[in-house]
Amino acid sequence: MTPSRQWLTPLGLAMVALVVLTAGLGGTGFATGGPGLVNFVAALVFAAAAIPFLIRESLPPGAYAALTGLMALAVVGMRTADPAGEVIALFLLAAFAPLRPPRPVLAAVTMLGVLAFNVLQLSSGHSALTLILATDAGAAFFFLVGTLLRREKEQRLRITGLLQELQASREAEQEASLAAERGRTAREMHDVLAHTLSGLALHLEGARLLAQSTNADTRLLETIQQSQQLARSGLAEARRAVRTLRGQDIPGPELIGSLLDQHRLVSNGAATYRVDGQPVPLPPAAALALYRTAQESLSNVRKHAPGADVDVELSWRPDTVDLQITNIGGGGTHKPATDPGYGLTGMSERADLAGGTVKAGPVQNGFRVHLSLPYALARDQQPARFPSEPPISGG
């Protein structure tokens, strides 16, 4: 309910009740026959027409015209039944007329009601001409009050619309600035990472050919080949990051398997991957949280527990999607949960952005990271914004 309706509508309903009350307490009053019955029916018709006129703002214009006509007839009926009655109903009719469309029609109906009321005043023989003029002046005054209230409401609605347009303009400006920053960062990443990794891949290819031509140790040749594959994978990841910055091709759970393939290139431990349940579409923030959590967890395994066996399980449940990465053995130690480092902190921040939670801690002879994303929350999230995304870290 708008601020004006918080007091205008109750006030209008109170005035309608006052009309019925004064009609019942007047000289004619309410009765089961004669003028009292006419007075009762007219007051009832006035209330029945005025209430929907006040509380409904979306009726067709023809409906408002019909309701105004009924109120005008009711005013004439109450005056006919009680020539000495109050003029509150007439003033209220004049105040209502400017509030609803079609305003020219409602104004014309109200004027006809005022003229009919004047005729009844003259025919009763109890009203002087000055009293008739006072009645007309009062009706004109209340019509002006209704007009001012309508214009105040229209002005307030225009101000509200302008404020909404201003807010939308500011948001569009921020989005444009963000898109420009993404483009600039993407170009810089491409220049630095892609060129560097491409050069590294070429040097490794030269080292591999040199090792082959000099009959070097086969272990050295295998290491060079693995390094070359890692350089190519890093180049593909850099290109994917550039596309992500430009709002394209955001990585998600469908690429977790490729992360395991990269992990196997540099780890002697076993790596298994299981998917349970039926995958469902996720918004970018949730999809990115799954991918980055798997990427960060595998990076932590290589750093803190080299050679450990890794088990990755992605479970699509009725209400949540769970990602669990567990490493066993490897002879290394993870940082304790009280000092998680930036990697685990980044996981938690991404999970929060997607409406989920991350739990990380030691298990028997190993370490486990568990990400849970509720569907109801994940579907309501907006795509992750670049400035809010935590940095990728290896620890």
Protein backbone atom coordinates (compact mmCIF):
# COMPACT_ATOMS: atom_id res chain seq x y z
CA MET A 1 0.00 0.00 0.00
CA THR A 2 1.34 3.42 -0.98
CA PRO A 3 1.82 6.08 1.75
CA SER A 4 -1.17 8.09 0.51
CA ARG A 5 -3.48 5.07 0.58
CA GLN A 6 -2.41 4.32 4.14
CA TRP A 7 -4.59 7.21 5.32
CA LEU A 8 -6.70 8.33 2.34
CA THR A 9 -8.57 5.07 1.85
CA PRO A 10 -9.44 4.60 5.56
CA LEU A 11 -10.50 8.26 5.71
CA GLY A 12 -12.72 7.84 2.67
CA LEU A 13 -14.32 4.70 4.10
CA ALA A 14 -14.92 6.52 7.38
CA MET A 15 -16.66 9.31 5.48
CA VAL A 16 -18.87 6.77 3.70
CA ALA A 17 -19.81 5.32 7.08
CA LEU A 18 -20.58 8.85 8.30
CA VAL A 19 -22.96 9.38 5.36
CA VAL A 20 -24.88 6.21 6.24
CA LEU A 21 -24.90 7.15 9.93
CA THR A 22 -26.22 10.68 9.36
CA ALA A 23 -28.87 9.35 6.99
CA GLY A 24 -30.04 6.90 9.65
CA LEU A 25 -30.02 9.48 12.44
CA GLY A 26 -31.70 12.25 10.41
CA GLY A 27 -35.27 13.38 10.66
CA THR A 28 -36.55 10.66 8.29
CA GLY A 29 -34.23 7.89 9.46
CA PHE A 30 -34.54 4.31 8.28
CA ALA A 31 -37.82 2.43 8.13
CA THR A 32 -39.51 -0.51 6.42
CA GLY A 33 -41.77 1.67 4.35
CA GLY A 34 -42.35 5.15 2.97
CA PRO A 35 -39.57 7.77 2.92
CA GLY A 36 -37.62 5.84 5.56
CA LEU A 37 -37.32 2.84 3.23
CA VAL A 38 -36.25 5.10 0.33
CA ASN A 39 -33.68 6.73 2.60
CA PHE A 40 -32.36 3.35 3.72
CA VAL A 41 -32.08 1.94 0.17
CA ALA A 42 -30.37 5.13 -1.08
CA ALA A 43 -27.82 5.08 1.76
CA LEU A 44 -27.13 1.40 1.12
CA VAL A 45 -26.65 2.01 -2.62
CA PHE A 46 -24.29 4.92 -1.88
CA ALA A 47 -22.12 2.76 0.39
CA ALA A 48 -22.19 -0.21 -2.02
CA ALA A 49 -20.95 2.02 -4.87
CA ALA A 50 -18.47 4.12 -2.88
CA ILE A 51 -16.55 1.23 -1.27
CA PRO A 52 -15.35 -0.47 -4.50
CA PHE A 53 -14.77 2.99 -6.01
CA LEU A 54 -12.30 3.69 -3.20
CA ILE A 55 -10.50 0.40 -2.71
CA ARG A 56 -10.20 -0.79 -6.32
CA GLU A 57 -7.72 1.10 -8.53
CA SER A 58 -7.77 -1.11 -11.62
CA LEU A 59 -11.43 -1.22 -12.65
CA PRO A 60 -12.40 -0.33 -16.24
CA PRO A 61 -13.33 3.34 -16.78
CA GLY A 62 -16.91 2.32 -17.54
CA ALA A 63 -17.19 0.68 -14.12
CA TYR A 64 -16.10 3.89 -12.38
CA ALA A 65 -18.64 5.87 -14.41
CA ALA A 66 -21.40 3.44 -13.39
CA LEU A 67 -20.38 3.61 -9.72
CA THR A 68 -20.34 7.42 -9.83
CA GLY A 69 -23.79 7.42 -11.42
CA LEU A 70 -25.10 5.16 -8.64
CA MET A 71 -23.64 7.45 -5.98
CA ALA A 72 -25.25 10.48 -7.65
CA LEU A 73 -28.64 8.72 -7.77
CA ALA A 74 -28.23 7.72 -4.13
CA VAL A 75 -27.49 11.33 -3.13
CA VAL A 76 -30.67 12.48 -4.92
CA GLY A 77 -32.64 9.64 -3.34
CA MET A 78 -31.52 10.52 0.20
CA ARG A 79 -32.37 14.19 -0.42
CA THR A 80 -35.80 13.23 -1.79
CA ALA A 81 -36.53 11.09 1.26
CA ASP A 82 -35.22 13.70 3.73
CA PRO A 83 -35.37 17.28 2.37
CA ALA A 84 -33.74 18.57 5.56
CA GLY A 85 -30.90 16.02 5.45
CA GLU A 86 -27.18 16.74 5.46
CA VAL A 87 -25.16 17.44 2.30
CA ILE A 88 -22.18 15.27 3.31
CA ALA A 89 -22.97 12.70 0.64
CA LEU A 90 -22.96 15.34 -2.09
CA PHE A 91 -19.60 16.75 -0.96
CA LEU A 92 -18.12 13.27 -0.80
CA LEU A 93 -19.35 12.54 -4.33
CA ALA A 94 -17.62 15.74 -5.53
CA ALA A 95 -14.36 14.74 -3.81
CA PHE A 96 -14.41 11.25 -5.37
CA ALA A 97 -15.05 12.35 -8.96
CA PRO A 98 -11.48 13.53 -9.84
CA LEU A 99 -9.81 10.40 -8.45
CA ARG A 100 -10.68 7.90 -11.17
CA PRO A 101 -10.95 7.79 -14.98
CA PRO A 102 -12.70 8.86 -17.15
CA ARG A 103 -12.50 12.14 -15.25
CA PRO A 104 -14.54 14.31 -17.70
CA VAL A 105 -17.40 11.80 -17.58
CA LEU A 106 -17.27 11.55 -13.79
CA ALA A 107 -17.19 15.35 -13.50
CA ALA A 108 -20.25 15.62 -15.76
CA VAL A 109 -22.16 13.00 -13.75
CA THR A 110 -21.25 14.81 -10.53
CA MET A 111 -22.45 18.13 -11.97
CA LEU A 112 -25.78 16.56 -12.92
CA GLY A 113 -26.06 15.24 -9.37
CA VAL A 114 -25.37 18.72 -7.96
CA LEU A 115 -28.02 20.29 -10.26
CA ALA A 116 -30.58 17.67 -9.26
CA PHE A 117 -29.74 18.35 -5.62
CA ASN A 118 -30.29 22.09 -6.22
CA VAL A 119 -33.66 21.42 -7.82
CA LEU A 120 -34.71 19.42 -4.77
CA GLN A 121 -33.49 22.22 -2.52
CA LEU A 122 -35.60 24.77 -4.42
CA SER A 123 -38.68 22.53 -4.53
CA SER A 124 -38.56 21.85 -0.79
CA GLY A 125 -39.19 25.52 0.00
CA HIS A 126 -36.86 25.35 3.01
CA SER A 127 -33.65 26.50 1.35
CA ALA A 128 -32.74 30.05 0.49
CA LEU A 129 -30.80 30.89 -2.65
CA THR A 130 -27.71 31.71 -0.57
CA LEU A 131 -27.81 28.22 0.94
CA ILE A 132 -27.98 26.70 -2.56
CA LEU A 133 -24.97 28.76 -3.61
CA ALA A 134 -23.15 27.66 -0.46
CA THR A 135 -23.92 24.04 -1.34
CA ASP A 136 -22.54 24.48 -4.83
CA ALA A 137 -19.44 26.24 -3.50
CA GLY A 138 -18.87 23.40 -1.04
CA ALA A 139 -19.17 20.82 -3.82
CA ALA A 140 -16.71 22.80 -5.95
CA PHE A 141 -14.29 23.01 -3.01
CA PHE A 142 -14.35 19.25 -2.41
CA PHE A 143 -13.95 18.65 -6.15
CA LEU A 144 -10.82 20.81 -6.00
CA VAL A 145 -9.54 18.84 -2.98
CA GLY A 146 -9.97 15.60 -4.91
CA THR A 147 -8.14 17.09 -7.89
CA LEU A 148 -5.22 18.17 -5.71
CA LEU A 149 -5.00 14.71 -4.14
CA ARG A 150 -4.93 13.09 -7.57
CA ARG A 151 -2.20 15.43 -8.81
CA GLU A 152 -0.13 14.79 -5.69
CA LYS A 153 -0.36 11.06 -6.32
CA GLU A 154 0.61 11.46 -9.98
CA GLN A 155 3.56 13.66 -9.03
CA ARG A 156 4.72 11.13 -6.47
CA LEU A 157 4.48 8.32 -9.01
CA ARG A 158 6.50 10.37 -11.50
CA ILE A 159 9.19 11.00 -8.89
CA THR A 160 9.29 7.30 -8.05
CA GLY A 161 9.63 6.44 -11.73
CA LEU A 162 12.44 8.95 -12.18
CA LEU A 163 14.28 7.54 -9.16
CA GLN A 164 13.94 4.02 -10.57
CA GLU A 165 15.23 5.19 -13.94
CA LEU A 166 18.15 6.92 -12.22
CA GLN A 167 18.99 3.74 -10.32
CA ALA A 168 18.76 1.68 -13.49
CA SER A 169 21.02 4.18 -15.27
CA ARG A 170 23.60 3.93 -12.50
CA GLU A 171 23.51 0.15 -12.60
CA ALA A 172 23.90 0.19 -16.39
CA GLU A 173 26.85 2.55 -16.03
CA GLN A 174 28.45 0.24 -13.48
CA GLU A 175 27.87 -2.76 -15.74
CA ALA A 176 29.46 -0.92 -18.66
CA SER A 177 32.46 0.03 -16.52
CA LEU A 178 32.74 -3.55 -15.30
CA ALA A 179 32.57 -4.89 -18.85
CA ALA A 180 35.32 -2.48 -19.93
CA GLU A 181 37.52 -3.56 -17.01
CA ARG A 182 36.91 -7.21 -17.87
CA GLY A 183 37.93 -6.59 -21.44
CA ARG A 184 41.11 -4.76 -20.41
CA THR A 185 42.06 -7.49 -17.92
CA ALA A 186 41.32 -10.18 -20.48
CA ARG A 187 43.61 -8.56 -23.02
CA GLU A 188 46.41 -8.25 -20.45
CA MET A 189 46.03 -11.87 -19.38
CA HIS A 190 46.13 -12.98 -22.99
CA ASP A 191 49.28 -10.97 -23.67
CA VAL A 192 51.09 -12.18 -20.54
CA LEU A 193 49.92 -15.74 -19.98
CA ALA A 194 49.19 -16.92 -23.49
CA HIS A 195 52.44 -15.58 -24.98
CA THR A 196 54.54 -16.84 -22.07
CA LEU A 197 52.98 -20.30 -22.06
CA SER A 198 53.24 -20.55 -25.84
CA GLY A 199 56.95 -19.72 -25.64
CA LEU A 200 57.39 -22.25 -22.83
CA ALA A 201 55.70 -24.95 -24.89
CA LEU A 202 58.02 -24.22 -27.84
CA HIS A 203 61.12 -24.37 -25.62
CA LEU A 204 59.97 -27.66 -24.13
CA GLU A 205 59.44 -29.05 -27.62
CA GLY A 206 62.99 -28.06 -28.46
CA ALA A 207 64.25 -29.66 -25.24
CA ARG A 208 62.37 -32.86 -26.09
CA LEU A 209 63.89 -33.04 -29.57
CA LEU A 210 67.35 -32.36 -28.12
CA ALA A 211 66.91 -35.09 -25.54
CA GLN A 212 65.87 -37.54 -28.24
CA SER A 213 68.82 -36.66 -30.50
CA THR A 214 71.38 -37.03 -27.67
CA ASN A 215 69.99 -40.29 -26.34
CA ALA A 216 69.26 -38.69 -22.97
CA ASP A 217 67.86 -40.63 -20.04
CA THR A 218 64.30 -41.79 -20.79
CA ARG A 219 63.19 -40.39 -17.43
CA LEU A 220 64.31 -36.94 -18.52
CA LEU A 221 62.44 -37.36 -21.80
CA GLU A 222 59.25 -38.36 -19.96
CA THR A 223 59.57 -35.39 -17.61
CA ILE A 224 59.94 -33.01 -20.54
CA GLN A 225 56.93 -34.53 -22.27
CA GLN A 226 54.83 -34.18 -19.12
CA SER A 227 55.98 -30.57 -18.73
CA GLN A 228 55.04 -29.89 -22.33
CA GLN A 229 51.57 -31.33 -21.78
CA LEU A 230 51.19 -29.24 -18.65
CA ALA A 231 52.19 -26.10 -20.56
CA ARG A 232 49.57 -26.85 -23.19
CA SER A 233 46.95 -27.48 -20.49
CA GLY A 234 47.92 -24.21 -18.80
CA LEU A 235 47.58 -22.39 -22.11
CA ALA A 236 44.08 -23.84 -22.57
CA GLU A 237 43.19 -22.83 -19.00
CA ALA A 238 44.46 -19.29 -19.61
CA ARG A 239 42.32 -19.01 -22.73
CA ARG A 240 39.33 -20.31 -20.78
CA ALA A 241 39.98 -17.69 -18.06
CA VAL A 242 40.03 -14.97 -20.73
CA ARG A 243 36.67 -16.16 -22.07
CA THR A 244 35.29 -16.21 -18.52
CA LEU A 245 36.37 -12.61 -17.95
CA ARG A 246 34.50 -11.67 -21.11
CA GLY A 247 31.37 -13.41 -19.83
CA GLN A 248 31.79 -16.40 -22.14
CA ASP A 249 32.22 -20.09 -21.51
CA ILE A 250 32.24 -20.05 -17.69
CA PRO A 251 33.71 -23.41 -16.53
CA GLY A 252 31.47 -25.72 -14.56
CA PRO A 253 31.17 -29.27 -13.24
CA GLU A 254 31.34 -30.74 -16.74
CA LEU A 255 35.08 -29.89 -16.81
CA ILE A 256 36.02 -31.53 -13.50
CA GLY A 257 37.04 -34.66 -15.40
CA SER A 258 39.60 -32.65 -17.40
CA LEU A 259 41.05 -31.36 -14.12
CA LEU A 260 41.62 -34.98 -13.07
CA ASP A 261 43.35 -35.67 -16.37
CA GLN A 262 45.75 -32.77 -15.76
CA HIS A 263 46.32 -33.96 -12.20
CA ARG A 264 47.32 -37.44 -13.38
CA LEU A 265 50.07 -35.93 -15.55
CA VAL A 266 52.04 -34.70 -12.55
CA SER A 267 51.00 -37.08 -9.79
CA ASN A 268 51.98 -40.67 -9.23
CA GLY A 269 48.95 -41.35 -7.07
CA ALA A 270 45.71 -42.86 -8.30
CA ALA A 271 42.88 -40.49 -9.22
CA THR A 272 39.26 -41.64 -9.41
CA TYR A 273 36.15 -39.71 -10.37
CA ARG A 274 32.53 -40.71 -9.79
CA VAL A 275 29.29 -38.94 -10.69
CA ASP A 276 26.05 -39.98 -8.98
CA GLY A 277 22.57 -38.81 -9.89
CA GLN A 278 21.21 -36.79 -12.78
CA PRO A 279 22.97 -33.44 -13.45
CA VAL A 280 20.81 -30.31 -13.52
CA PRO A 281 21.56 -26.87 -15.02
CA LEU A 282 23.18 -24.45 -12.57
CA PRO A 283 23.61 -20.67 -12.66
CA PRO A 284 27.13 -19.42 -13.42
CA ALA A 285 28.00 -18.65 -9.78
CA ALA A 286 27.19 -22.20 -8.65
CA ALA A 287 28.83 -23.87 -11.66
CA LEU A 288 31.98 -21.81 -11.17
CA ALA A 289 32.08 -22.64 -7.45
CA LEU A 290 32.08 -26.38 -8.25
CA TYR A 291 34.83 -26.05 -10.82
CA ARG A 292 37.09 -23.79 -8.75
CA THR A 293 36.67 -25.94 -5.64
CA ALA A 294 37.79 -29.03 -7.53
CA GLN A 295 40.66 -27.11 -9.14
CA GLU A 296 41.85 -25.64 -5.82
CA SER A 297 41.57 -28.96 -3.97
CA LEU A 298 43.64 -30.83 -6.56
CA SER A 299 46.22 -28.04 -6.53
CA ASN A 300 46.45 -28.32 -2.75
CA VAL A 301 46.95 -32.08 -2.99
CA ARG A 302 49.89 -31.61 -5.36
CA LYS A 303 51.40 -28.97 -3.09
CA HIS A 304 50.81 -30.42 0.37
CA ALA A 305 50.46 -34.19 -0.26
CA PRO A 306 52.34 -35.08 -3.47
CA GLY A 307 51.74 -38.63 -4.64
CA ALA A 308 48.52 -39.02 -2.64
CA ASP A 309 45.60 -41.01 -4.01
CA VAL A 310 42.67 -38.76 -4.85
CA ASP A 311 39.00 -39.62 -4.93
CA VAL A 312 36.55 -37.08 -6.41
CA GLU A 313 32.81 -37.65 -6.06
CA LEU A 314 30.10 -35.42 -7.55
CA SER A 315 26.62 -36.26 -6.22
CA TRP A 316 23.43 -34.76 -7.65
CA ARG A 317 20.85 -35.15 -4.87
CA PRO A 318 17.16 -34.12 -4.87
CA ASP A 319 17.86 -30.74 -3.24
CA THR A 320 21.63 -30.25 -3.35
CA VAL A 321 24.73 -30.96 -5.40
CA ASP A 322 27.69 -32.20 -3.35
CA LEU A 323 31.34 -32.26 -4.39
CA GLN A 324 33.75 -34.24 -2.24
CA ILE A 325 37.52 -34.44 -2.83
CA THR A 326 39.45 -36.81 -0.57
CA ASN A 327 43.18 -37.57 -0.68
CA ILE A 328 44.79 -40.45 1.20
CA GLY A 329 48.51 -40.85 1.85
CA GLY A 330 51.23 -39.01 -0.03
CA GLY A 331 53.42 -38.33 2.96
CA GLY A 332 52.50 -34.63 3.11
CA THR A 333 50.52 -32.54 5.54
CA HIS A 334 47.79 -30.01 4.92
CA LYS A 335 47.50 -26.70 6.66
CA PRO A 336 45.22 -26.98 9.70
CA ALA A 337 41.68 -25.68 9.48
CA THR A 338 42.55 -22.79 11.81
CA ASP A 339 45.06 -21.52 9.23
CA PRO A 340 43.47 -22.50 5.93
CA GLY A 341 45.38 -20.11 3.67
CA TYR A 342 43.93 -18.21 0.73
CA GLY A 343 42.96 -21.32 -1.24
CA LEU A 344 40.43 -22.66 1.26
CA THR A 345 39.28 -19.12 2.04
CA GLY A 346 38.60 -18.60 -1.67
CA MET A 347 36.57 -21.82 -1.76
CA SER A 348 34.40 -20.59 1.14
CA GLU A 349 33.88 -17.19 -0.46
CA ARG A 350 32.79 -18.71 -3.78
CA ALA A 351 30.46 -21.10 -1.94
CA ASP A 352 28.89 -18.18 -0.09
CA LEU A 353 28.30 -16.33 -3.37
CA ALA A 354 26.44 -19.39 -4.68
CA GLY A 355 24.47 -19.94 -1.44
CA GLY A 356 26.42 -23.06 -0.37
CA THR A 357 28.94 -24.17 2.24
CA VAL A 358 32.41 -25.69 2.26
CA LYS A 359 33.80 -27.99 4.94
CA ALA A 360 37.50 -28.87 4.88
CA GLY A 361 39.48 -30.89 7.38
CA PRO A 362 41.70 -33.90 8.01
CA VAL A 363 40.48 -37.48 7.81
CA GLN A 364 42.35 -40.68 8.65
CA ASN A 365 45.72 -40.45 6.83
CA GLY A 366 44.45 -37.72 4.54
CA PHE A 367 42.34 -34.64 3.96
CA ARG A 368 38.82 -33.97 2.66
CA VAL A 369 37.03 -30.99 1.10
CA HIS A 370 33.23 -31.09 0.90
CA LEU A 371 31.20 -28.48 -1.04
CA SER A 372 27.40 -28.48 -0.78
CA LEU A 373 25.17 -26.23 -2.93
CA PRO A 374 21.39 -26.24 -2.32
CA TYR A 375 19.42 -26.03 -5.56
CA ALA A 376 16.85 -23.55 -4.22
CA LEU A 377 19.58 -21.09 -3.28
CA ALA A 378 21.79 -21.79 -6.28
CA ARG A 379 19.01 -21.07 -8.78
CA ASP A 380 18.35 -17.67 -7.21
CA GLN A 381 21.96 -16.54 -7.50
CA GLN A 382 23.08 -14.09 -10.16
CA PRO A 383 26.23 -14.71 -12.22
CA ALA A 384 29.37 -14.12 -10.24
CA ARG A 385 30.82 -10.62 -10.78
CA PHE A 386 34.50 -10.26 -11.55
CA PRO A 387 35.47 -7.99 -8.63
CA SER A 388 33.78 -10.35 -6.16
CA GLU A 389 35.49 -13.52 -7.37
CA PRO A 390 38.37 -14.52 -5.08
CA PRO A 391 41.77 -15.04 -6.65
CA ILE A 392 42.91 -18.51 -7.68
CA SER A 393 45.58 -19.70 -5.29
CA GLY A 394 47.62 -22.79 -4.85
CA GLY A 395 47.45 -22.82 -1.08
